[in-house]
Amino acid sequence: MDQTALIISDEAEFPLAITGRWQTERRVPIFTVVSSDACLGFDPDTFQVAVVGGVRSGAQSVILEALEAAGKRALFVAEDVKALQTVRDRWPGVTAFRRQENWLDAAVLLAAEMLQRALAESRAHQAEQASAALERHATLGRYIIDMQHTLNNTLTSVLGNSELLLLEPGCLSAAARSQVETIRNMSLRMHEILQRFSSLEKELMVVERQAGRESAAKAQALVM
C-alpha cells in the first residue's frame, strides 16, 4: 500500500521544509501539496495523513472541519499559542503543536507516526472485511451442506415422478412431454451439483485433518 501525505499551506516555504526533512526518513510518502483554497474539494481516499500549516486564518476552520468530517488524521502546526489552543479546544482529534525551535523535526516525526498508525488501521479494517466475507461464505456453505439431504430427497421425488410420467405412453401431449423431459434433465443436473458439494466437503475434511496433523507435528518439534 502506497504511503500518501497531503500538505495544506499557503506558504511556499512550509511544504518545502516538510518534504525536504521527510526525505531523510527511512519511509517517505507520496506528497500532494495544495493551498487552502484548492484543498476544499479533496478526495479523502487519496491520502492517509494531512499536515496543515501556514494557512490563512479564514480557511483554518473550514480545512479542519473537512478533515475531521472525513475521519482523516491531521497534524496542525500553529503559529502562536492562541491558534494552538483554539485547535485543541475545537478539534480534539487533530494533533496540534506550536511552531517554535526544532518544530520541523517534531512535525515530521509526528506526521510519520500518524501515517504508520493510519496504515495499520487501514490494514486492520481490510482484514476485518475479508474475515467477514469469509464468514458469510462459510455460513452459506454450511447451510448448503446441512440442507443437502433434504434437497436430495426433494430431487429424488421430482426425478422419480417425471420418469414415471415419461414411461406412460400416450398420457402426455408432445408439448407436455417436452416440459417433463426438461424437468427431469434439470433435476439430474441439480443432483450432479449436490454430489459435487458432497465431494468438496470430503476433500475439505481431508485437508483440515492434514493441516491438523502438520500443526501438531510442528508443536511437538518445538517442545522437543
C-alpha atoms as a PDB file:
ATOM      1  CA  MET A   1       0.000   0.000   0.000  1.00  0.00           C
ATOM      2  CA  ASP A   2       1.399   3.406  -1.008  1.00  0.00           C
ATOM      3  CA  GLN A   3       2.032   5.891   1.782  1.00  0.00           C
ATOM      4  CA  THR A   4       0.488   9.268   0.982  1.00  0.00           C
ATOM      5  CA  ALA A   5       0.508  12.621   2.755  1.00  0.00           C
ATOM      6  CA  LEU A   6      -1.425  15.794   1.958  1.00  0.00           C
ATOM      7  CA  ILE A   7       0.278  19.079   2.835  1.00  0.00           C
ATOM      8  CA  ILE A   8      -2.011  22.108   3.049  1.00  0.00           C
ATOM      9  CA  SER A   9      -0.339  25.507   3.208  1.00  0.00           C
ATOM     10  CA  ASP A  10      -0.473  28.986   1.728  1.00  0.00           C
ATOM     11  CA  GLU A  11       3.250  29.463   2.314  1.00  0.00           C
ATOM     12  CA  ALA A  12       5.773  28.279  -0.258  1.00  0.00           C
ATOM     13  CA  GLU A  13       8.409  27.531   2.398  1.00  0.00           C
ATOM     14  CA  PHE A  14       6.260  25.319   4.625  1.00  0.00           C
ATOM     15  CA  PRO A  15       5.711  22.357   2.244  1.00  0.00           C
ATOM     16  CA  LEU A  16       9.312  22.603   1.041  1.00  0.00           C
ATOM     17  CA  ALA A  17      10.554  22.340   4.619  1.00  0.00           C
ATOM     18  CA  ILE A  18       8.265  19.379   5.442  1.00  0.00           C
ATOM     19  CA  THR A  19       9.040  17.392   2.303  1.00  0.00           C
ATOM     20  CA  GLY A  20      12.748  18.141   2.490  1.00  0.00           C
ATOM     21  CA  ARG A  21      13.019  16.990   6.107  1.00  0.00           C
ATOM     22  CA  TRP A  22      10.865  13.912   5.454  1.00  0.00           C
ATOM     23  CA  GLN A  23      13.260  12.817   2.709  1.00  0.00           C
ATOM     24  CA  THR A  24      15.800  11.990   5.412  1.00  0.00           C
ATOM     25  CA  GLU A  25      13.485   9.391   6.974  1.00  0.00           C
ATOM     26  CA  ARG A  26      13.553   5.703   6.079  1.00  0.00           C
ATOM     27  CA  ARG A  27       9.989   5.750   4.748  1.00  0.00           C
ATOM     28  CA  VAL A  28       8.969   8.648   2.536  1.00  0.00           C
ATOM     29  CA  PRO A  29       5.339   9.009   1.404  1.00  0.00           C
ATOM     30  CA  ILE A  30       3.953  10.346  -1.841  1.00  0.00           C
ATOM     31  CA  PHE A  31       3.266  14.040  -1.248  1.00  0.00           C
ATOM     32  CA  THR A  32       0.416  16.169  -2.516  1.00  0.00           C
ATOM     33  CA  VAL A  33       0.769  19.904  -1.834  1.00  0.00           C
ATOM     34  CA  VAL A  34      -2.232  22.234  -2.098  1.00  0.00           C
ATOM     35  CA  SER A  35      -3.209  25.687  -0.933  1.00  0.00           C
ATOM     36  CA  SER A  36      -6.098  26.332   1.437  1.00  0.00           C
ATOM     37  CA  ASP A  37      -8.347  27.317  -1.492  1.00  0.00           C
ATOM     38  CA  ALA A  38      -7.543  24.248  -3.595  1.00  0.00           C
ATOM     39  CA  CYS A  39      -7.869  21.690  -0.803  1.00  0.00           C
ATOM     40  CA  LEU A  40     -11.570  22.134  -0.070  1.00  0.00           C
ATOM     41  CA  GLY A  41     -12.608  19.552  -2.649  1.00  0.00           C
ATOM     42  CA  PHE A  42     -10.062  16.946  -1.588  1.00  0.00           C
ATOM     43  CA  ASP A  43     -10.682  13.234  -2.024  1.00  0.00           C
ATOM     44  CA  PRO A  44     -10.182  11.547   1.386  1.00  0.00           C
ATOM     45  CA  ASP A  45      -9.193   8.291  -0.312  1.00  0.00           C
ATOM     46  CA  THR A  46      -6.063   9.852  -1.847  1.00  0.00           C
ATOM     47  CA  PHE A  47      -4.102  10.375   1.395  1.00  0.00           C
ATOM     48  CA  GLN A  48      -3.662   8.841   4.843  1.00  0.00           C
ATOM     49  CA  VAL A  49      -2.461  11.863   6.800  1.00  0.00           C
ATOM     50  CA  ALA A  50      -2.669  15.636   6.371  1.00  0.00           C
ATOM     51  CA  VAL A  51      -0.170  18.239   7.552  1.00  0.00           C
ATOM     52  CA  VAL A  52      -1.614  21.732   7.867  1.00  0.00           C
ATOM     53  CA  GLY A  53       0.416  24.878   8.481  1.00  0.00           C
ATOM     54  CA  GLY A  54       0.840  28.404   7.280  1.00  0.00           C
ATOM     55  CA  VAL A  55      -2.780  28.717   6.110  1.00  0.00           C
ATOM     56  CA  ARG A  56      -4.753  31.954   6.164  1.00  0.00           C
ATOM     57  CA  SER A  57      -6.837  32.347   9.302  1.00  0.00           C
ATOM     58  CA  GLY A  58     -10.156  32.363   7.472  1.00  0.00           C
ATOM     59  CA  ALA A  59      -9.530  28.937   5.972  1.00  0.00           C
ATOM     60  CA  GLN A  60      -8.305  27.173   9.105  1.00  0.00           C
ATOM     61  CA  SER A  61     -11.735  26.237  10.446  1.00  0.00           C
ATOM     62  CA  VAL A  62     -13.027  25.048   7.083  1.00  0.00           C
ATOM     63  CA  ILE A  63      -9.980  22.847   6.478  1.00  0.00           C
ATOM     64  CA  LEU A  64     -10.004  21.226   9.908  1.00  0.00           C
ATOM     65  CA  GLU A  65     -13.765  20.679   9.810  1.00  0.00           C
ATOM     66  CA  ALA A  66     -13.427  18.943   6.435  1.00  0.00           C
ATOM     67  CA  LEU A  67     -10.587  16.736   7.630  1.00  0.00           C
ATOM     68  CA  GLU A  68     -12.467  15.799  10.798  1.00  0.00           C
ATOM     69  CA  ALA A  69     -15.630  15.002   8.826  1.00  0.00           C
ATOM     70  CA  ALA A  70     -13.593  12.752   6.528  1.00  0.00           C
ATOM     71  CA  GLY A  71     -12.111  10.931   9.511  1.00  0.00           C
ATOM     72  CA  LYS A  72      -8.548  11.675   8.434  1.00  0.00           C
ATOM     73  CA  ARG A  73      -5.574  12.007  10.751  1.00  0.00           C
ATOM     74  CA  ALA A  74      -4.339  15.603  10.724  1.00  0.00           C
ATOM     75  CA  LEU A  75      -1.336  17.442  12.140  1.00  0.00           C
ATOM     76  CA  PHE A  76      -1.733  21.192  12.587  1.00  0.00           C
ATOM     77  CA  VAL A  77       1.296  23.462  13.043  1.00  0.00           C
ATOM     78  CA  ALA A  78       0.098  26.579  14.861  1.00  0.00           C
ATOM     79  CA  GLU A  79       1.745  29.964  14.567  1.00  0.00           C
ATOM     80  CA  ASP A  80       1.018  31.105  18.130  1.00  0.00           C
ATOM     81  CA  VAL A  81      -0.405  29.961  21.455  1.00  0.00           C
ATOM     82  CA  LYS A  82      -3.880  31.318  20.717  1.00  0.00           C
ATOM     83  CA  ALA A  83      -4.209  29.380  17.474  1.00  0.00           C
ATOM     84  CA  LEU A  84      -2.838  26.286  19.188  1.00  0.00           C
ATOM     85  CA  GLN A  85      -5.394  26.442  21.992  1.00  0.00           C
ATOM     86  CA  THR A  86      -8.245  27.110  19.564  1.00  0.00           C
ATOM     87  CA  VAL A  87      -7.458  23.997  17.568  1.00  0.00           C
ATOM     88  CA  ARG A  88      -7.100  21.848  20.681  1.00  0.00           C
ATOM     89  CA  ASP A  89     -10.425  23.078  22.052  1.00  0.00           C
ATOM     90  CA  ARG A  90     -12.481  22.806  18.856  1.00  0.00           C
ATOM     91  CA  TRP A  91     -10.861  19.782  17.193  1.00  0.00           C
ATOM     92  CA  PRO A  92      -9.550  17.408  19.881  1.00  0.00           C
ATOM     93  CA  GLY A  93      -8.952  14.760  17.216  1.00  0.00           C
ATOM     94  CA  VAL A  94      -6.368  16.967  15.483  1.00  0.00           C
ATOM     95  CA  THR A  95      -2.780  16.762  16.698  1.00  0.00           C
ATOM     96  CA  ALA A  96      -1.544  20.340  17.138  1.00  0.00           C
ATOM     97  CA  PHE A  97       1.646  21.978  18.349  1.00  0.00           C
ATOM     98  CA  ARG A  98       3.231  25.384  18.088  1.00  0.00           C
ATOM     99  CA  ARG A  99       5.849  26.320  15.511  1.00  0.00           C
ATOM    100  CA  GLN A 100       8.923  27.103  17.536  1.00  0.00           C
ATOM    101  CA  GLU A 101      12.515  25.912  17.857  1.00  0.00           C
ATOM    102  CA  ASN A 102      13.061  22.455  16.300  1.00  0.00           C
ATOM    103  CA  TRP A 103       9.440  22.391  15.173  1.00  0.00           C
ATOM    104  CA  LEU A 104      10.342  20.814  11.818  1.00  0.00           C
ATOM    105  CA  ASP A 105      11.831  17.663  13.324  1.00  0.00           C
ATOM    106  CA  ALA A 106       8.856  17.292  15.637  1.00  0.00           C
ATOM    107  CA  ALA A 107       6.370  17.858  12.822  1.00  0.00           C
ATOM    108  CA  VAL A 108       7.872  15.222  10.551  1.00  0.00           C
ATOM    109  CA  LEU A 109       8.296  12.653  13.322  1.00  0.00           C
ATOM    110  CA  LEU A 110       4.708  13.153  14.474  1.00  0.00           C
ATOM    111  CA  ALA A 111       3.330  13.048  10.933  1.00  0.00           C
ATOM    112  CA  ALA A 112       5.321   9.893  10.142  1.00  0.00           C
ATOM    113  CA  GLU A 113       3.992   8.177  13.274  1.00  0.00           C
ATOM    114  CA  MET A 114       0.429   9.230  12.437  1.00  0.00           C
ATOM    115  CA  LEU A 115       0.884   7.896   8.919  1.00  0.00           C
ATOM    116  CA  GLN A 116       2.041   4.492  10.162  1.00  0.00           C
ATOM    117  CA  ARG A 117      -0.928   4.277  12.520  1.00  0.00           C
ATOM    118  CA  ALA A 118      -3.311   5.189   9.725  1.00  0.00           C
ATOM    119  CA  LEU A 119      -1.824   2.466   7.530  1.00  0.00           C
ATOM    120  CA  ALA A 120      -2.103  -0.082  10.339  1.00  0.00           C
ATOM    121  CA  GLU A 121      -5.748   0.840  10.910  1.00  0.00           C
ATOM    122  CA  SER A 122      -6.443   0.560   7.184  1.00  0.00           C
ATOM    123  CA  ARG A 123      -4.877  -2.902   7.013  1.00  0.00           C
ATOM    124  CA  ALA A 124      -6.832  -3.996  10.082  1.00  0.00           C
ATOM    125  CA  HIS A 125     -10.070  -2.733   8.527  1.00  0.00           C
ATOM    126  CA  GLN A 126      -9.351  -4.595   5.300  1.00  0.00           C
ATOM    127  CA  ALA A 127      -8.593  -7.758   7.260  1.00  0.00           C
ATOM    128  CA  GLU A 128     -11.886  -7.413   9.153  1.00  0.00           C
ATOM    129  CA  GLN A 129     -13.799  -7.000   5.891  1.00  0.00           C
ATOM    130  CA  ALA A 130     -12.086 -10.051   4.385  1.00  0.00           C
ATOM    131  CA  SER A 131     -12.816 -12.070   7.512  1.00  0.00           C
ATOM    132  CA  ALA A 132     -16.479 -11.029   7.448  1.00  0.00           C
ATOM    133  CA  ALA A 133     -16.762 -12.032   3.781  1.00  0.00           C
ATOM    134  CA  LEU A 134     -15.195 -15.425   4.515  1.00  0.00           C
ATOM    135  CA  GLU A 135     -17.582 -15.933   7.409  1.00  0.00           C
ATOM    136  CA  ARG A 136     -20.572 -15.169   5.182  1.00  0.00           C
ATOM    137  CA  HIS A 137     -19.333 -17.653   2.592  1.00  0.00           C
ATOM    138  CA  ALA A 138     -18.703 -20.255   5.283  1.00  0.00           C
ATOM    139  CA  THR A 139     -22.217 -19.784   6.657  1.00  0.00           C
ATOM    140  CA  LEU A 140     -23.694 -20.236   3.199  1.00  0.00           C
ATOM    141  CA  GLY A 141     -21.560 -23.333   2.638  1.00  0.00           C
ATOM    142  CA  ARG A 142     -22.612 -24.840   5.963  1.00  0.00           C
ATOM    143  CA  TYR A 143     -26.259 -24.187   5.161  1.00  0.00           C
ATOM    144  CA  ILE A 144     -25.968 -25.893   1.769  1.00  0.00           C
ATOM    145  CA  ILE A 145     -24.262 -28.898   3.349  1.00  0.00           C
ATOM    146  CA  ASP A 146     -26.908 -29.081   6.084  1.00  0.00           C
ATOM    147  CA  MET A 147     -29.713 -28.912   3.516  1.00  0.00           C
ATOM    148  CA  GLN A 148     -28.073 -31.366   1.118  1.00  0.00           C
ATOM    149  CA  HIS A 149     -30.009 -34.388   2.395  1.00  0.00           C
ATOM    150  CA  THR A 150     -33.343 -32.550   2.180  1.00  0.00           C
ATOM    151  CA  LEU A 151     -32.573 -31.289  -1.309  1.00  0.00           C
ATOM    152  CA  ASN A 152     -31.563 -34.780  -2.443  1.00  0.00           C
ATOM    153  CA  ASN A 153     -34.864 -36.205  -1.190  1.00  0.00           C
ATOM    154  CA  THR A 154     -36.788 -33.460  -2.968  1.00  0.00           C
ATOM    155  CA  LEU A 155     -34.918 -34.007  -6.206  1.00  0.00           C
ATOM    156  CA  THR A 156     -35.400 -37.768  -5.973  1.00  0.00           C
ATOM    157  CA  SER A 157     -39.139 -37.217  -5.724  1.00  0.00           C
ATOM    158  CA  VAL A 158     -39.212 -34.792  -8.668  1.00  0.00           C
ATOM    159  CA  LEU A 159     -36.976 -37.034 -10.768  1.00  0.00           C
ATOM    160  CA  GLY A 160     -38.926 -40.187  -9.938  1.00  0.00           C
ATOM    161  CA  ASN A 161     -42.287 -38.683 -10.777  1.00  0.00           C
ATOM    162  CA  SER A 162     -41.027 -37.194 -14.020  1.00  0.00           C
ATOM    163  CA  GLU A 163     -39.620 -40.606 -15.031  1.00  0.00           C
ATOM    164  CA  LEU A 164     -42.973 -42.282 -14.266  1.00  0.00           C
ATOM    165  CA  LEU A 165     -44.819 -39.761 -16.414  1.00  0.00           C
ATOM    166  CA  LEU A 166     -42.420 -40.306 -19.292  1.00  0.00           C
ATOM    167  CA  LEU A 167     -42.888 -44.094 -19.053  1.00  0.00           C
ATOM    168  CA  GLU A 168     -46.645 -43.796 -19.625  1.00  0.00           C
ATOM    169  CA  PRO A 169     -47.171 -43.903 -23.409  1.00  0.00           C
ATOM    170  CA  GLY A 170     -49.752 -41.512 -24.773  1.00  0.00           C
ATOM    171  CA  CYS A 171     -50.621 -39.873 -21.437  1.00  0.00           C
ATOM    172  CA  LEU A 172     -48.841 -36.651 -22.329  1.00  0.00           C
ATOM    173  CA  SER A 173     -49.104 -34.330 -25.268  1.00  0.00           C
ATOM    174  CA  ALA A 174     -45.957 -33.583 -27.232  1.00  0.00           C
ATOM    175  CA  ALA A 175     -45.611 -30.182 -25.527  1.00  0.00           C
ATOM    176  CA  ALA A 176     -46.215 -31.595 -22.032  1.00  0.00           C
ATOM    177  CA  ARG A 177     -43.770 -34.423 -22.626  1.00  0.00           C
ATOM    178  CA  SER A 178     -41.083 -31.919 -23.665  1.00  0.00           C
ATOM    179  CA  GLN A 179     -41.681 -29.949 -20.463  1.00  0.00           C
ATOM    180  CA  VAL A 180     -41.469 -33.061 -18.277  1.00  0.00           C
ATOM    181  CA  GLU A 181     -38.227 -34.063 -20.005  1.00  0.00           C
ATOM    182  CA  THR A 182     -36.842 -30.632 -19.188  1.00  0.00           C
ATOM    183  CA  ILE A 183     -37.834 -31.098 -15.530  1.00  0.00           C
ATOM    184  CA  ARG A 184     -36.105 -34.491 -15.462  1.00  0.00           C
ATOM    185  CA  ASN A 185     -32.937 -33.191 -17.109  1.00  0.00           C
ATOM    186  CA  MET A 186     -32.700 -30.181 -14.806  1.00  0.00           C
ATOM    187  CA  SER A 187     -33.261 -32.427 -11.789  1.00  0.00           C
ATOM    188  CA  LEU A 188     -30.380 -34.610 -12.909  1.00  0.00           C
ATOM    189  CA  ARG A 189     -28.209 -31.531 -13.307  1.00  0.00           C
ATOM    190  CA  MET A 190     -29.076 -30.337  -9.786  1.00  0.00           C
ATOM    191  CA  HIS A 191     -28.329 -33.789  -8.444  1.00  0.00           C
ATOM    192  CA  GLU A 192     -24.856 -33.644 -10.036  1.00  0.00           C
ATOM    193  CA  ILE A 193     -24.219 -30.274  -8.406  1.00  0.00           C
ATOM    194  CA  LEU A 194     -25.208 -31.607  -4.985  1.00  0.00           C
ATOM    195  CA  GLN A 195     -22.935 -34.592  -5.470  1.00  0.00           C
ATOM    196  CA  ARG A 196     -20.109 -32.186  -6.174  1.00  0.00           C
ATOM    197  CA  PHE A 197     -20.851 -30.384  -2.897  1.00  0.00           C
ATOM    198  CA  SER A 198     -20.579 -33.707  -1.100  1.00  0.00           C
ATOM    199  CA  SER A 199     -17.251 -34.419  -2.787  1.00  0.00           C
ATOM    200  CA  LEU A 200     -15.915 -30.966  -1.869  1.00  0.00           C
ATOM    201  CA  GLU A 201     -16.938 -31.475   1.742  1.00  0.00           C
ATOM    202  CA  LYS A 202     -14.919 -34.712   1.900  1.00  0.00           C
ATOM    203  CA  GLU A 203     -11.914 -33.042   0.248  1.00  0.00           C
ATOM    204  CA  LEU A 204     -12.025 -30.170   2.732  1.00  0.00           C
ATOM    205  CA  MET A 205     -12.201 -32.596   5.654  1.00  0.00           C
ATOM    206  CA  VAL A 206      -9.089 -34.371   4.363  1.00  0.00           C
ATOM    207  CA  VAL A 207      -7.254 -31.033   4.029  1.00  0.00           C
ATOM    208  CA  GLU A 208      -8.370 -29.997   7.520  1.00  0.00           C
ATOM    209  CA  ARG A 209      -7.140 -33.261   9.059  1.00  0.00           C
ATOM    210  CA  GLN A 210      -3.814 -32.931   7.226  1.00  0.00           C
ATOM    211  CA  ALA A 211      -3.387 -29.352   8.459  1.00  0.00           C
ATOM    212  CA  GLY A 212      -4.162 -30.508  11.991  1.00  0.00           C
ATOM    213  CA  ARG A 213      -1.521 -33.230  11.813  1.00  0.00           C
ATOM    214  CA  GLU A 214       1.061 -30.776  10.475  1.00  0.00           C
ATOM    215  CA  SER A 215       0.289 -28.266  13.244  1.00  0.00           C
ATOM    216  CA  ALA A 216       0.592 -30.986  15.881  1.00  0.00           C
ATOM    217  CA  ALA A 217       3.914 -32.121  14.412  1.00  0.00           C
ATOM    218  CA  LYS A 218       5.278 -28.568  14.450  1.00  0.00           C
ATOM    219  CA  ALA A 219       4.144 -28.064  18.042  1.00  0.00           C
ATOM    220  CA  GLN A 220       5.798 -31.307  19.097  1.00  0.00           C
ATOM    221  CA  ALA A 221       9.005 -30.348  17.325  1.00  0.00           C
ATOM    222  CA  LEU A 222       9.090 -27.040  19.188  1.00  0.00           C
ATOM    223  CA  VAL A 223       8.615 -28.792  22.520  1.00  0.00           C
ATOM    224  CA  MET A 224      11.424 -31.227  21.785  1.00  0.00           C
END
